[in-house]
Amino acid sequence: ILSHSHPDHIGSAKKIKTDTDCCIMAHVGEKKWIEDTEKQASERPVPG
């Protein structure tokens, strides 16, 4: 369950999904930035 899409909450999600094939859950308001991290990096730049 991803509480929201910011980097410190979704950082390992891809790895965990690959390892376990778990169900990724999130609110629709966060979906676009979870599914397109480059879009998030562009629209909400965070150092590192």
ModelCIF file with pLDDT and N, C-alpha, C, O atoms, coordinates in Angstrom:
data_MODEL
#
_entry.id   MODEL 
#
_entity.id                         1 
_entity.type                       polymer 
_entity.pdbx_number_of_molecules   1 
#
_entity_poly.entity_id                      1 
_entity_poly.type                           'polypeptide(L)' 
_entity_poly.nstd_linkage                   no 
_entity_poly.nstd_monomer                   no 
_entity_poly.pdbx_seq_one_letter_code       ILSHSHPDHIGSAKKIKTDTDCCIMAHVGEKKWIEDTEKQASERPVPG 
_entity_poly.pdbx_seq_one_letter_code_can   ILSHSHPDHIGSAKKIKTDTDCCIMAHVGEKKWIEDTEKQASERPVPG 
_entity_poly.pdbx_strand_id                 A 
#
loop_
_entity_poly_seq.entity_id 
_entity_poly_seq.num 
_entity_poly_seq.mon_id 
_entity_poly_seq.hetero 
1 1  ILE n 
1 2  LEU n 
1 3  SER n 
1 4  HIS n 
1 5  SER n 
1 6  HIS n 
1 7  PRO n 
1 8  ASP n 
1 9  HIS n 
1 10 ILE n 
1 11 GLY n 
1 12 SER n 
1 13 ALA n 
1 14 LYS n 
1 15 LYS n 
1 16 ILE n 
1 17 LYS n 
1 18 THR n 
1 19 ASP n 
1 20 THR n 
1 21 ASP n 
1 22 CYS n 
1 23 CYS n 
1 24 ILE n 
1 25 MET n 
1 26 ALA n 
1 27 HIS n 
1 28 VAL n 
1 29 GLY n 
1 30 GLU n 
1 31 LYS n 
1 32 LYS n 
1 33 TRP n 
1 34 ILE n 
1 35 GLU n 
1 36 ASP n 
1 37 THR n 
1 38 GLU n 
1 39 LYS n 
1 40 GLN n 
1 41 ALA n 
1 42 SER n 
1 43 GLU n 
1 44 ARG n 
1 45 PRO n 
1 46 VAL n 
1 47 PRO n 
1 48 GLY n 
#
_struct_asym.id          A 
_struct_asym.entity_id   1 
#
loop_
_ma_qa_metric.id 
_ma_qa_metric.mode 
_ma_qa_metric.name 
_ma_qa_metric.software_group_id 
_ma_qa_metric.type 
1 global pLDDT . pLDDT 
2 local  pLDDT . pLDDT 
#
_ma_qa_metric_global.metric_id      1 
_ma_qa_metric_global.metric_value   96.94 
_ma_qa_metric_global.model_id       1 
_ma_qa_metric_global.ordinal_id     1 
#
loop_
_ma_qa_metric_local.label_asym_id 
_ma_qa_metric_local.label_comp_id 
_ma_qa_metric_local.label_seq_id 
_ma_qa_metric_local.metric_id 
_ma_qa_metric_local.metric_value 
_ma_qa_metric_local.model_id 
_ma_qa_metric_local.ordinal_id 
A ILE 1  2 98.00 1 1  
A LEU 2  2 98.00 1 2  
A SER 3  2 98.00 1 3  
A HIS 4  2 98.00 1 4  
A SER 5  2 98.00 1 5  
A HIS 6  2 97.00 1 6  
A PRO 7  2 96.00 1 7  
A ASP 8  2 96.00 1 8  
A HIS 9  2 98.00 1 9  
A ILE 10 2 98.00 1 10 
A GLY 11 2 97.00 1 11 
A SER 12 2 98.00 1 12 
A ALA 13 2 98.00 1 13 
A LYS 14 2 98.00 1 14 
A LYS 15 2 98.00 1 15 
A ILE 16 2 98.00 1 16 
A LYS 17 2 98.00 1 17 
A THR 18 2 98.00 1 18 
A ASP 19 2 98.00 1 19 
A THR 20 2 98.00 1 20 
A ASP 21 2 98.00 1 21 
A CYS 22 2 98.00 1 22 
A CYS 23 2 98.00 1 23 
A ILE 24 2 98.00 1 24 
A MET 25 2 98.00 1 25 
A ALA 26 2 98.00 1 26 
A HIS 27 2 98.00 1 27 
A VAL 28 2 98.00 1 28 
A GLY 29 2 98.00 1 29 
A GLU 30 2 98.00 1 30 
A LYS 31 2 98.00 1 31 
A LYS 32 2 98.00 1 32 
A TRP 33 2 98.00 1 33 
A ILE 34 2 98.00 1 34 
A GLU 35 2 98.00 1 35 
A ASP 36 2 98.00 1 36 
A THR 37 2 97.00 1 37 
A GLU 38 2 97.00 1 38 
A LYS 39 2 97.00 1 39 
A GLN 40 2 97.00 1 40 
A ALA 41 2 96.00 1 41 
A SER 42 2 96.00 1 42 
A GLU 43 2 95.00 1 43 
A ARG 44 2 93.00 1 44 
A PRO 45 2 91.00 1 45 
A VAL 46 2 90.00 1 46 
A PRO 47 2 91.00 1 47 
A GLY 48 2 91.00 1 48 
#
loop_
_atom_site.group_PDB 
_atom_site.id 
_atom_site.type_symbol 
_atom_site.label_atom_id 
_atom_site.label_alt_id 
_atom_site.label_comp_id 
_atom_site.label_asym_id 
_atom_site.label_entity_id 
_atom_site.label_seq_id 
_atom_site.pdbx_PDB_ins_code 
_atom_site.Cartn_x 
_atom_site.Cartn_y 
_atom_site.Cartn_z 
_atom_site.occupancy 
_atom_site.B_iso_or_equiv 
_atom_site.pdbx_formal_charge 
_atom_site.auth_seq_id 
_atom_site.auth_comp_id 
_atom_site.auth_asym_id 
_atom_site.auth_atom_id 
_atom_site.pdbx_PDB_model_num 
ATOM 1   N N  . ILE A 1 1  ? 0.863  -1.182  0.000   1.00 98.00 ? 1  ILE A N  1 
ATOM 2   C CA . ILE A 1 1  ? 0.000  0.000   0.000   1.00 98.00 ? 1  ILE A CA 1 
ATOM 3   C C  . ILE A 1 1  ? 0.898  1.231   0.000   1.00 98.00 ? 1  ILE A C  1 
ATOM 4   O O  . ILE A 1 1  ? 1.716  1.403   0.904   1.00 98.00 ? 1  ILE A O  1 
ATOM 5   N N  . LEU A 1 2  ? 0.753  2.081   -1.000  1.00 98.00 ? 2  LEU A N  1 
ATOM 6   C CA . LEU A 1 2  ? 1.543  3.301   -1.083  1.00 98.00 ? 2  LEU A CA 1 
ATOM 7   C C  . LEU A 1 2  ? 0.695  4.465   -0.595  1.00 98.00 ? 2  LEU A C  1 
ATOM 8   O O  . LEU A 1 2  ? -0.316 4.811   -1.206  1.00 98.00 ? 2  LEU A O  1 
ATOM 9   N N  . SER A 1 3  ? 1.115  5.064   0.508   1.00 98.00 ? 3  SER A N  1 
ATOM 10  C CA . SER A 1 3  ? 0.315  6.146   1.103   1.00 98.00 ? 3  SER A CA 1 
ATOM 11  C C  . SER A 1 3  ? 0.258  7.367   0.197   1.00 98.00 ? 3  SER A C  1 
ATOM 12  O O  . SER A 1 3  ? -0.730 8.101   0.193   1.00 98.00 ? 3  SER A O  1 
ATOM 13  N N  . HIS A 1 4  ? 1.314  7.581   -0.565  1.00 98.00 ? 4  HIS A N  1 
ATOM 14  C CA . HIS A 1 4  ? 1.328  8.614   -1.607  1.00 98.00 ? 4  HIS A CA 1 
ATOM 15  C C  . HIS A 1 4  ? 2.562  8.396   -2.468  1.00 98.00 ? 4  HIS A C  1 
ATOM 16  O O  . HIS A 1 4  ? 3.291  7.423   -2.276  1.00 98.00 ? 4  HIS A O  1 
ATOM 17  N N  . SER A 1 5  ? 2.797  9.288   -3.406  1.00 98.00 ? 5  SER A N  1 
ATOM 18  C CA . SER A 1 5  ? 3.753  9.004   -4.476  1.00 98.00 ? 5  SER A CA 1 
ATOM 19  C C  . SER A 1 5  ? 5.137  9.601   -4.287  1.00 98.00 ? 5  SER A C  1 
ATOM 20  O O  . SER A 1 5  ? 5.970  9.474   -5.184  1.00 98.00 ? 5  SER A O  1 
ATOM 21  N N  . HIS A 1 6  ? 5.420  10.242  -3.170  1.00 97.00 ? 6  HIS A N  1 
ATOM 22  C CA . HIS A 1 6  ? 6.709  10.909  -3.005  1.00 97.00 ? 6  HIS A CA 1 
ATOM 23  C C  . HIS A 1 6  ? 7.854  9.896   -2.909  1.00 97.00 ? 6  HIS A C  1 
ATOM 24  O O  . HIS A 1 6  ? 7.638  8.755   -2.502  1.00 97.00 ? 6  HIS A O  1 
ATOM 25  N N  . PRO A 1 7  ? 9.084  10.314  -3.285  1.00 96.00 ? 7  PRO A N  1 
ATOM 26  C CA . PRO A 1 7  ? 10.202 9.380   -3.439  1.00 96.00 ? 7  PRO A CA 1 
ATOM 27  C C  . PRO A 1 7  ? 10.499 8.498   -2.237  1.00 96.00 ? 7  PRO A C  1 
ATOM 28  O O  . PRO A 1 7  ? 10.818 7.321   -2.401  1.00 96.00 ? 7  PRO A O  1 
ATOM 29  N N  . ASP A 1 8  ? 10.399 9.056   -1.014  1.00 96.00 ? 8  ASP A N  1 
ATOM 30  C CA . ASP A 1 8  ? 10.756 8.270   0.162   1.00 96.00 ? 8  ASP A CA 1 
ATOM 31  C C  . ASP A 1 8  ? 9.704  7.240   0.541   1.00 96.00 ? 8  ASP A C  1 
ATOM 32  O O  . ASP A 1 8  ? 9.871  6.505   1.514   1.00 96.00 ? 8  ASP A O  1 
ATOM 33  N N  . HIS A 1 9  ? 8.619  7.186   -0.227  1.00 98.00 ? 9  HIS A N  1 
ATOM 34  C CA . HIS A 1 9  ? 7.560  6.210   0.029   1.00 98.00 ? 9  HIS A CA 1 
ATOM 35  C C  . HIS A 1 9  ? 7.439  5.161   -1.075  1.00 98.00 ? 9  HIS A C  1 
ATOM 36  O O  . HIS A 1 9  ? 6.947  4.057   -0.837  1.00 98.00 ? 9  HIS A O  1 
ATOM 37  N N  . ILE A 1 10 ? 7.888  5.507   -2.283  1.00 98.00 ? 10 ILE A N  1 
ATOM 38  C CA . ILE A 1 10 ? 7.764  4.581   -3.414  1.00 98.00 ? 10 ILE A CA 1 
ATOM 39  C C  . ILE A 1 10 ? 9.112  4.086   -3.930  1.00 98.00 ? 10 ILE A C  1 
ATOM 40  O O  . ILE A 1 10 ? 9.162  3.348   -4.914  1.00 98.00 ? 10 ILE A O  1 
ATOM 41  N N  . GLY A 1 11 ? 10.211 4.485   -3.275  1.00 97.00 ? 11 GLY A N  1 
ATOM 42  C CA . GLY A 1 11 ? 11.546 4.228   -3.825  1.00 97.00 ? 11 GLY A CA 1 
ATOM 43  C C  . GLY A 1 11 ? 11.858 2.785   -4.141  1.00 97.00 ? 11 GLY A C  1 
ATOM 44  O O  . GLY A 1 11 ? 12.466 2.491   -5.170  1.00 97.00 ? 11 GLY A O  1 
ATOM 45  N N  . SER A 1 12 ? 11.442 1.862   -3.254  1.00 98.00 ? 12 SER A N  1 
ATOM 46  C CA . SER A 1 12 ? 11.732 0.431   -3.462  1.00 98.00 ? 12 SER A CA 1 
ATOM 47  C C  . SER A 1 12 ? 10.543 -0.341  -4.028  1.00 98.00 ? 12 SER A C  1 
ATOM 48  O O  . SER A 1 12 ? 10.592 -1.568  -4.117  1.00 98.00 ? 12 SER A O  1 
ATOM 49  N N  . ALA A 1 13 ? 9.492  0.350   -4.405  1.00 98.00 ? 13 ALA A N  1 
ATOM 50  C CA . ALA A 1 13 ? 8.278  -0.334  -4.858  1.00 98.00 ? 13 ALA A CA 1 
ATOM 51  C C  . ALA A 1 13 ? 8.522  -1.204  -6.088  1.00 98.00 ? 13 ALA A C  1 
ATOM 52  O O  . ALA A 1 13 ? 8.012  -2.321  -6.175  1.00 98.00 ? 13 ALA A O  1 
ATOM 53  N N  . LYS A 1 14 ? 9.300  -0.693  -7.035  1.00 98.00 ? 14 LYS A N  1 
ATOM 54  C CA . LYS A 1 14 ? 9.562  -1.461  -8.254  1.00 98.00 ? 14 LYS A CA 1 
ATOM 55  C C  . LYS A 1 14 ? 10.291 -2.756  -7.924  1.00 98.00 ? 14 LYS A C  1 
ATOM 56  O O  . LYS A 1 14 ? 9.951  -3.814  -8.453  1.00 98.00 ? 14 LYS A O  1 
ATOM 57  N N  . LYS A 1 15 ? 11.287 -2.678  -7.057  1.00 98.00 ? 15 LYS A N  1 
ATOM 58  C CA . LYS A 1 15 ? 12.062 -3.862  -6.672  1.00 98.00 ? 15 LYS A CA 1 
ATOM 59  C C  . LYS A 1 15 ? 11.191 -4.875  -5.942  1.00 98.00 ? 15 LYS A C  1 
ATOM 60  O O  . LYS A 1 15 ? 11.260 -6.071  -6.224  1.00 98.00 ? 15 LYS A O  1 
ATOM 61  N N  . ILE A 1 16 ? 10.379 -4.406  -5.012  1.00 98.00 ? 16 ILE A N  1 
ATOM 62  C CA . ILE A 1 16 ? 9.510  -5.303  -4.246  1.00 98.00 ? 16 ILE A CA 1 
ATOM 63  C C  . ILE A 1 16 ? 8.477  -5.963  -5.154  1.00 98.00 ? 16 ILE A C  1 
ATOM 64  O O  . ILE A 1 16 ? 8.173  -7.146  -5.000  1.00 98.00 ? 16 ILE A O  1 
ATOM 65  N N  . LYS A 1 17 ? 7.945  -5.200  -6.093  1.00 98.00 ? 17 LYS A N  1 
ATOM 66  C CA . LYS A 1 17 ? 7.000  -5.770  -7.056  1.00 98.00 ? 17 LYS A CA 1 
ATOM 67  C C  . LYS A 1 17 ? 7.671  -6.853  -7.897  1.00 98.00 ? 17 LYS A C  1 
ATOM 68  O O  . LYS A 1 17 ? 7.087  -7.913  -8.120  1.00 98.00 ? 17 LYS A O  1 
ATOM 69  N N  . THR A 1 18 ? 8.877  -6.599  -8.358  1.00 98.00 ? 18 THR A N  1 
ATOM 70  C CA . THR A 1 18 ? 9.611  -7.569  -9.165  1.00 98.00 ? 18 THR A CA 1 
ATOM 71  C C  . THR A 1 18 ? 9.883  -8.846  -8.383  1.00 98.00 ? 18 THR A C  1 
ATOM 72  O O  . THR A 1 18 ? 9.762  -9.948  -8.918  1.00 98.00 ? 18 THR A O  1 
ATOM 73  N N  . ASP A 1 19 ? 10.251 -8.694  -7.113  1.00 98.00 ? 19 ASP A N  1 
ATOM 74  C CA . ASP A 1 19 ? 10.614 -9.849  -6.289  1.00 98.00 ? 19 ASP A CA 1 
ATOM 75  C C  . ASP A 1 19 ? 9.415  -10.691 -5.870  1.00 98.00 ? 19 ASP A C  1 
ATOM 76  O O  . ASP A 1 19 ? 9.532  -11.911 -5.755  1.00 98.00 ? 19 ASP A O  1 
ATOM 77  N N  . THR A 1 20 ? 8.275  -10.067 -5.641  1.00 98.00 ? 20 THR A N  1 
ATOM 78  C CA . THR A 1 20 ? 7.147  -10.765 -5.001  1.00 98.00 ? 20 THR A CA 1 
ATOM 79  C C  . THR A 1 20 ? 5.877  -10.808 -5.838  1.00 98.00 ? 20 THR A C  1 
ATOM 80  O O  . THR A 1 20 ? 4.967  -11.581 -5.539  1.00 98.00 ? 20 THR A O  1 
ATOM 81  N N  . ASP A 1 21 ? 5.802  -9.987  -6.885  1.00 98.00 ? 21 ASP A N  1 
ATOM 82  C CA . ASP A 1 21 ? 4.575  -9.850  -7.674  1.00 98.00 ? 21 ASP A CA 1 
ATOM 83  C C  . ASP A 1 21 ? 3.377  -9.483  -6.793  1.00 98.00 ? 21 ASP A C  1 
ATOM 84  O O  . ASP A 1 21 ? 2.257  -9.933  -7.033  1.00 98.00 ? 21 ASP A O  1 
ATOM 85  N N  . CYS A 1 22 ? 3.627  -8.662  -5.775  1.00 98.00 ? 22 CYS A N  1 
ATOM 86  C CA . CYS A 1 22 ? 2.550  -8.231  -4.876  1.00 98.00 ? 22 CYS A CA 1 
ATOM 87  C C  . CYS A 1 22 ? 1.622  -7.239  -5.585  1.00 98.00 ? 22 CYS A C  1 
ATOM 88  O O  . CYS A 1 22 ? 1.966  -6.679  -6.626  1.00 98.00 ? 22 CYS A O  1 
ATOM 89  N N  . CYS A 1 23 ? 0.460  -7.039  -5.006  1.00 98.00 ? 23 CYS A N  1 
ATOM 90  C CA . CYS A 1 23 ? -0.519 -6.087  -5.524  1.00 98.00 ? 23 CYS A CA 1 
ATOM 91  C C  . CYS A 1 23 ? -0.164 -4.688  -5.033  1.00 98.00 ? 23 CYS A C  1 
ATOM 92  O O  . CYS A 1 23 ? -0.131 -4.442  -3.827  1.00 98.00 ? 23 CYS A O  1 
ATOM 93  N N  . ILE A 1 24 ? 0.099  -3.778  -5.953  1.00 98.00 ? 24 ILE A N  1 
ATOM 94  C CA . ILE A 1 24 ? 0.408  -2.390  -5.613  1.00 98.00 ? 24 ILE A CA 1 
ATOM 95  C C  . ILE A 1 24 ? -0.897 -1.613  -5.503  1.00 98.00 ? 24 ILE A C  1 
ATOM 96  O O  . ILE A 1 24 ? -1.684 -1.561  -6.448  1.00 98.00 ? 24 ILE A O  1 
ATOM 97  N N  . MET A 1 25 ? -1.118 -1.006  -4.329  1.00 98.00 ? 25 MET A N  1 
ATOM 98  C CA . MET A 1 25 ? -2.355 -0.270  -4.061  1.00 98.00 ? 25 MET A CA 1 
ATOM 99  C C  . MET A 1 25 ? -2.042 1.209   -3.816  1.00 98.00 ? 25 MET A C  1 
ATOM 100 O O  . MET A 1 25 ? -1.060 1.543   -3.154  1.00 98.00 ? 25 MET A O  1 
ATOM 101 N N  . ALA A 1 26 ? -2.887 2.089   -4.357  1.00 98.00 ? 26 ALA A N  1 
ATOM 102 C CA . ALA A 1 26 ? -2.712 3.525   -4.142  1.00 98.00 ? 26 ALA A CA 1 
ATOM 103 C C  . ALA A 1 26 ? -3.998 4.247   -4.522  1.00 98.00 ? 26 ALA A C  1 
ATOM 104 O O  . ALA A 1 26 ? -4.861 3.688   -5.199  1.00 98.00 ? 26 ALA A O  1 
ATOM 105 N N  . HIS A 1 27 ? -4.116 5.487   -4.082  1.00 98.00 ? 27 HIS A N  1 
ATOM 106 C CA . HIS A 1 27 ? -5.249 6.342   -4.434  1.00 98.00 ? 27 HIS A CA 1 
ATOM 107 C C  . HIS A 1 27 ? -5.066 6.866   -5.854  1.00 98.00 ? 27 HIS A C  1 
ATOM 108 O O  . HIS A 1 27 ? -3.938 7.055   -6.310  1.00 98.00 ? 27 HIS A O  1 
ATOM 109 N N  . VAL A 1 28 ? -6.163 7.096   -6.542  1.00 98.00 ? 28 VAL A N  1 
ATOM 110 C CA . VAL A 1 28 ? -6.094 7.552   -7.929  1.00 98.00 ? 28 VAL A CA 1 
ATOM 111 C C  . VAL A 1 28 ? -5.339 8.871   -8.060  1.00 98.00 ? 28 VAL A C  1 
ATOM 112 O O  . VAL A 1 28 ? -4.720 9.130   -9.093  1.00 98.00 ? 28 VAL A O  1 
ATOM 113 N N  . GLY A 1 29 ? -5.384 9.709   -7.019  1.00 98.00 ? 29 GLY A N  1 
ATOM 114 C CA . GLY A 1 29 ? -4.698 10.992  -7.065  1.00 98.00 ? 29 GLY A CA 1 
ATOM 115 C C  . GLY A 1 29 ? -3.181 10.876  -7.130  1.00 98.00 ? 29 GLY A C  1 
ATOM 116 O O  . GLY A 1 29 ? -2.502 11.847  -7.463  1.00 98.00 ? 29 GLY A O  1 
ATOM 117 N N  . GLU A 1 30 ? -2.637 9.698   -6.814  1.00 98.00 ? 30 GLU A N  1 
ATOM 118 C CA . GLU A 1 30 ? -1.188 9.482   -6.825  1.00 98.00 ? 30 GLU A CA 1 
ATOM 119 C C  . GLU A 1 30 ? -0.725 8.618   -7.991  1.00 98.00 ? 30 GLU A C  1 
ATOM 120 O O  . GLU A 1 30 ? 0.474  8.465   -8.221  1.00 98.00 ? 30 GLU A O  1 
ATOM 121 N N  . LYS A 1 31 ? -1.675 8.059   -8.719  1.00 98.00 ? 31 LYS A N  1 
ATOM 122 C CA . LYS A 1 31 ? -1.387 7.044   -9.733  1.00 98.00 ? 31 LYS A CA 1 
ATOM 123 C C  . LYS A 1 31 ? -0.391 7.521   -10.799 1.00 98.00 ? 31 LYS A C  1 
ATOM 124 O O  . LYS A 1 31 ? 0.538  6.793   -11.148 1.00 98.00 ? 31 LYS A O  1 
ATOM 125 N N  . LYS A 1 32 ? -0.581 8.729   -11.311 1.00 98.00 ? 32 LYS A N  1 
ATOM 126 C CA . LYS A 1 32 ? 0.243  9.168   -12.449 1.00 98.00 ? 32 LYS A CA 1 
ATOM 127 C C  . LYS A 1 32 ? 1.716  9.290   -12.077 1.00 98.00 ? 32 LYS A C  1 
ATOM 128 O O  . LYS A 1 32 ? 2.587  9.004   -12.899 1.00 98.00 ? 32 LYS A O  1 
ATOM 129 N N  . TRP A 1 33 ? 2.002  9.709   -10.854 1.00 98.00 ? 33 TRP A N  1 
ATOM 130 C CA . TRP A 1 33 ? 3.392  9.881   -10.444 1.00 98.00 ? 33 TRP A CA 1 
ATOM 131 C C  . TRP A 1 33 ? 4.036  8.573   -10.017 1.00 98.00 ? 33 TRP A C  1 
ATOM 132 O O  . TRP A 1 33 ? 5.260  8.453   -10.060 1.00 98.00 ? 33 TRP A O  1 
ATOM 133 N N  . ILE A 1 34 ? 3.248  7.593   -9.606  1.00 98.00 ? 34 ILE A N  1 
ATOM 134 C CA . ILE A 1 34 ? 3.791  6.276   -9.279  1.00 98.00 ? 34 ILE A CA 1 
ATOM 135 C C  . ILE A 1 34 ? 4.120  5.517   -10.563 1.00 98.00 ? 34 ILE A C  1 
ATOM 136 O O  . ILE A 1 34 ? 5.147  4.845   -10.659 1.00 98.00 ? 34 ILE A O  1 
ATOM 137 N N  . GLU A 1 35 ? 3.233  5.637   -11.539 1.00 98.00 ? 35 GLU A N  1 
ATOM 138 C CA . GLU A 1 35 ? 3.399  4.905   -12.795 1.00 98.00 ? 35 GLU A CA 1 
ATOM 139 C C  . GLU A 1 35 ? 4.340  5.597   -13.779 1.00 98.00 ? 35 GLU A C  1 
ATOM 140 O O  . GLU A 1 35 ? 4.745  4.995   -14.774 1.00 98.00 ? 35 GLU A O  1 
ATOM 141 N N  . ASP A 1 36 ? 4.691  6.852   -13.511 1.00 98.00 ? 36 ASP A N  1 
ATOM 142 C CA . ASP A 1 36 ? 5.622  7.585   -14.372 1.00 98.00 ? 36 ASP A CA 1 
ATOM 143 C C  . ASP A 1 36 ? 6.503  8.460   -13.479 1.00 98.00 ? 36 ASP A C  1 
ATOM 144 O O  . ASP A 1 36 ? 6.220  9.641   -13.277 1.00 98.00 ? 36 ASP A O  1 
ATOM 145 N N  . THR A 1 37 ? 7.564  7.869   -12.953 1.00 97.00 ? 37 THR A N  1 
ATOM 146 C CA . THR A 1 37 ? 8.414  8.611   -12.027 1.00 97.00 ? 37 THR A CA 1 
ATOM 147 C C  . THR A 1 37 ? 9.178  9.741   -12.726 1.00 97.00 ? 37 THR A C  1 
ATOM 148 O O  . THR A 1 37 ? 9.553  10.719  -12.080 1.00 97.00 ? 37 THR A O  1 
ATOM 149 N N  . GLU A 1 38 ? 9.408  9.619   -14.022 1.00 97.00 ? 38 GLU A N  1 
ATOM 150 C CA . GLU A 1 38 ? 10.056 10.713  -14.748 1.00 97.00 ? 38 GLU A CA 1 
ATOM 151 C C  . GLU A 1 38 ? 9.140  11.931  -14.806 1.00 97.00 ? 38 GLU A C  1 
ATOM 152 O O  . GLU A 1 38 ? 9.609  13.068  -14.750 1.00 97.00 ? 38 GLU A O  1 
ATOM 153 N N  . LYS A 1 39 ? 7.854  11.697  -14.916 1.00 97.00 ? 39 LYS A N  1 
ATOM 154 C CA . LYS A 1 39 ? 6.885  12.790  -14.893 1.00 97.00 ? 39 LYS A CA 1 
ATOM 155 C C  . LYS A 1 39 ? 6.928  13.492  -13.529 1.00 97.00 ? 39 LYS A C  1 
ATOM 156 O O  . LYS A 1 39 ? 6.894  14.720  -13.444 1.00 97.00 ? 39 LYS A O  1 
ATOM 157 N N  . GLN A 1 40 ? 7.002  12.687  -12.474 1.00 97.00 ? 40 GLN A N  1 
ATOM 158 C CA . GLN A 1 40 ? 7.101  13.268  -11.139 1.00 97.00 ? 40 GLN A CA 1 
ATOM 159 C C  . GLN A 1 40 ? 8.394  14.068  -10.983 1.00 97.00 ? 40 GLN A C  1 
ATOM 160 O O  . GLN A 1 40 ? 8.378  15.175  -10.444 1.00 97.00 ? 40 GLN A O  1 
ATOM 161 N N  . ALA A 1 41 ? 9.510  13.514  -11.452 1.00 96.00 ? 41 ALA A N  1 
ATOM 162 C CA . ALA A 1 41 ? 10.795 14.202  -11.347 1.00 96.00 ? 41 ALA A CA 1 
ATOM 163 C C  . ALA A 1 41 ? 10.769 15.540  -12.066 1.00 96.00 ? 41 ALA A C  1 
ATOM 164 O O  . ALA A 1 41 ? 11.413 16.500  -11.641 1.00 96.00 ? 41 ALA A O  1 
ATOM 165 N N  . SER A 1 42 ? 10.017 15.595  -13.164 1.00 96.00 ? 42 SER A N  1 
ATOM 166 C CA . SER A 1 42 ? 9.912  16.831  -13.943 1.00 96.00 ? 42 SER A CA 1 
ATOM 167 C C  . SER A 1 42 ? 8.980  17.842  -13.277 1.00 96.00 ? 42 SER A C  1 
ATOM 168 O O  . SER A 1 42 ? 9.282  19.034  -13.225 1.00 96.00 ? 42 SER A O  1 
ATOM 169 N N  . GLU A 1 43 ? 7.847  17.357  -12.770 1.00 95.00 ? 43 GLU A N  1 
ATOM 170 C CA . GLU A 1 43 ? 6.834  18.260  -12.224 1.00 95.00 ? 43 GLU A CA 1 
ATOM 171 C C  . GLU A 1 43 ? 7.083  18.637  -10.765 1.00 95.00 ? 43 GLU A C  1 
ATOM 172 O O  . GLU A 1 43 ? 6.618  19.681  -10.306 1.00 95.00 ? 43 GLU A O  1 
ATOM 173 N N  . ARG A 1 44 ? 7.819  17.787  -10.031 1.00 93.00 ? 44 ARG A N  1 
ATOM 174 C CA . ARG A 1 44 ? 8.120  18.062  -8.621  1.00 93.00 ? 44 ARG A CA 1 
ATOM 175 C C  . ARG A 1 44 ? 9.581  17.697  -8.361  1.00 93.00 ? 44 ARG A C  1 
ATOM 176 O O  . ARG A 1 44 ? 9.866  16.676  -7.735  1.00 93.00 ? 44 ARG A O  1 
ATOM 177 N N  . PRO A 1 45 ? 10.501 18.526  -8.838  1.00 91.00 ? 45 PRO A N  1 
ATOM 178 C CA . PRO A 1 45 ? 11.922 18.198  -8.700  1.00 91.00 ? 45 PRO A CA 1 
ATOM 179 C C  . PRO A 1 45 ? 12.337 18.120  -7.227  1.00 91.00 ? 45 PRO A C  1 
ATOM 180 O O  . PRO A 1 45 ? 12.053 19.027  -6.445  1.00 91.00 ? 45 PRO A O  1 
ATOM 181 N N  . VAL A 1 46 ? 12.996 17.050  -6.868  1.00 90.00 ? 46 VAL A N  1 
ATOM 182 C CA . VAL A 1 46 ? 13.531 16.851  -5.522  1.00 90.00 ? 46 VAL A CA 1 
ATOM 183 C C  . VAL A 1 46 ? 15.022 16.527  -5.672  1.00 90.00 ? 46 VAL A C  1 
ATOM 184 O O  . VAL A 1 46 ? 15.376 15.676  -6.488  1.00 90.00 ? 46 VAL A O  1 
ATOM 185 N N  . PRO A 1 47 ? 15.897 17.178  -4.913  1.00 91.00 ? 47 PRO A N  1 
ATOM 186 C CA . PRO A 1 47 ? 17.320 16.860  -5.019  1.00 91.00 ? 47 PRO A CA 1 
ATOM 187 C C  . PRO A 1 47 ? 17.588 15.365  -4.836  1.00 91.00 ? 47 PRO A C  1 
ATOM 188 O O  . PRO A 1 47 ? 17.103 14.747  -3.889  1.00 91.00 ? 47 PRO A O  1 
ATOM 189 N N  . GLY A 1 48 ? 18.364 14.800  -5.753  1.00 91.00 ? 48 GLY A N  1 
ATOM 190 C CA . GLY A 1 48 ? 18.716 13.385  -5.658  1.00 91.00 ? 48 GLY A CA 1 
ATOM 191 C C  . GLY A 1 48 ? 17.571 12.445  -5.975  1.00 91.00 ? 48 GLY A C  1 
ATOM 192 O O  . GLY A 1 48 ? 17.741 11.226  -5.930  1.00 91.00 ? 48 GLY A O  1 
#
